[in-house]
Protein backbone atom coordinates (compact mmCIF):
# COMPACT_ATOMS: atom_id res chain seq x y z
CA MET A 1 95.25 121.94 92.41
CA VAL A 2 95.86 118.39 91.95
CA ASP A 3 93.21 115.55 92.71
CA VAL A 4 94.76 112.35 94.02
CA ILE A 5 92.57 109.34 93.14
CA VAL A 6 92.33 106.98 96.35
CA ARG A 7 89.31 105.21 94.86
CA PRO A 8 89.08 104.57 91.11
CA GLU A 9 85.70 105.02 89.56
CA VAL A 10 87.27 104.73 86.42
CA PRO A 11 90.39 102.38 85.57
CA PHE A 12 93.54 104.10 85.45
CA ASP A 13 94.26 102.65 82.12
CA GLN A 14 90.97 104.25 80.62
CA LEU A 15 91.70 107.52 82.21
CA GLN A 16 95.27 107.31 80.19
CA ALA A 17 93.98 106.22 77.06
CA ARG A 18 91.19 109.07 77.12
CA GLY A 19 93.19 111.64 78.66
CA VAL A 20 93.76 115.08 77.05
CA GLU A 21 97.38 116.23 76.95
CA LEU A 22 98.00 120.45 77.23
CA ASP A 23 100.97 122.34 77.65
CA LEU A 24 101.16 124.21 81.05
CA PHE A 25 103.70 126.54 81.20
CA GLY A 26 106.16 124.79 78.41
CA ARG A 27 105.62 121.14 80.05
CA LYS A 28 102.88 118.58 78.59
CA ILE A 29 100.53 117.45 81.02
CA LYS A 30 97.61 115.14 81.00
CA ILE A 31 94.39 115.58 82.11
CA ALA A 32 90.96 113.14 82.53
CA ALA A 33 88.64 113.48 79.95
CA ILE A 34 85.73 115.22 80.73
CA GLU A 35 83.46 112.24 80.84
CA ASP A 36 85.68 110.76 83.35
CA LEU A 37 85.92 113.63 85.57
CA VAL A 38 82.04 113.71 85.67
CA THR A 39 82.09 110.07 86.62
CA MET A 40 84.48 110.80 89.15
CA LYS A 41 82.97 114.11 90.56
CA ARG A 42 79.30 111.80 90.57
CA ALA A 43 80.77 108.88 92.69
CA ALA A 44 82.16 111.21 95.06
CA ASP A 45 79.08 113.17 95.93
CA ARG A 46 80.64 116.32 97.12
CA SER A 47 78.46 119.35 97.94
CA GLU A 48 81.15 121.42 96.40
CA ASP A 49 80.06 119.64 92.97
CA PRO A 50 76.03 120.27 93.09
CA HIS A 51 75.84 120.78 89.28
CA VAL A 52 77.27 117.70 88.37
């Protein structure tokens, strides 16, 4: 699954700087740091994320 950020609660430059690089099927990908993911989940206030 890929999330598309339409209304960024965390500035892109911060996401880029704090992101974590991982290897996925031989390709390097960067994912948001957990702190930034929590910030975005809280801002989205979705019922699917009740424990955030």
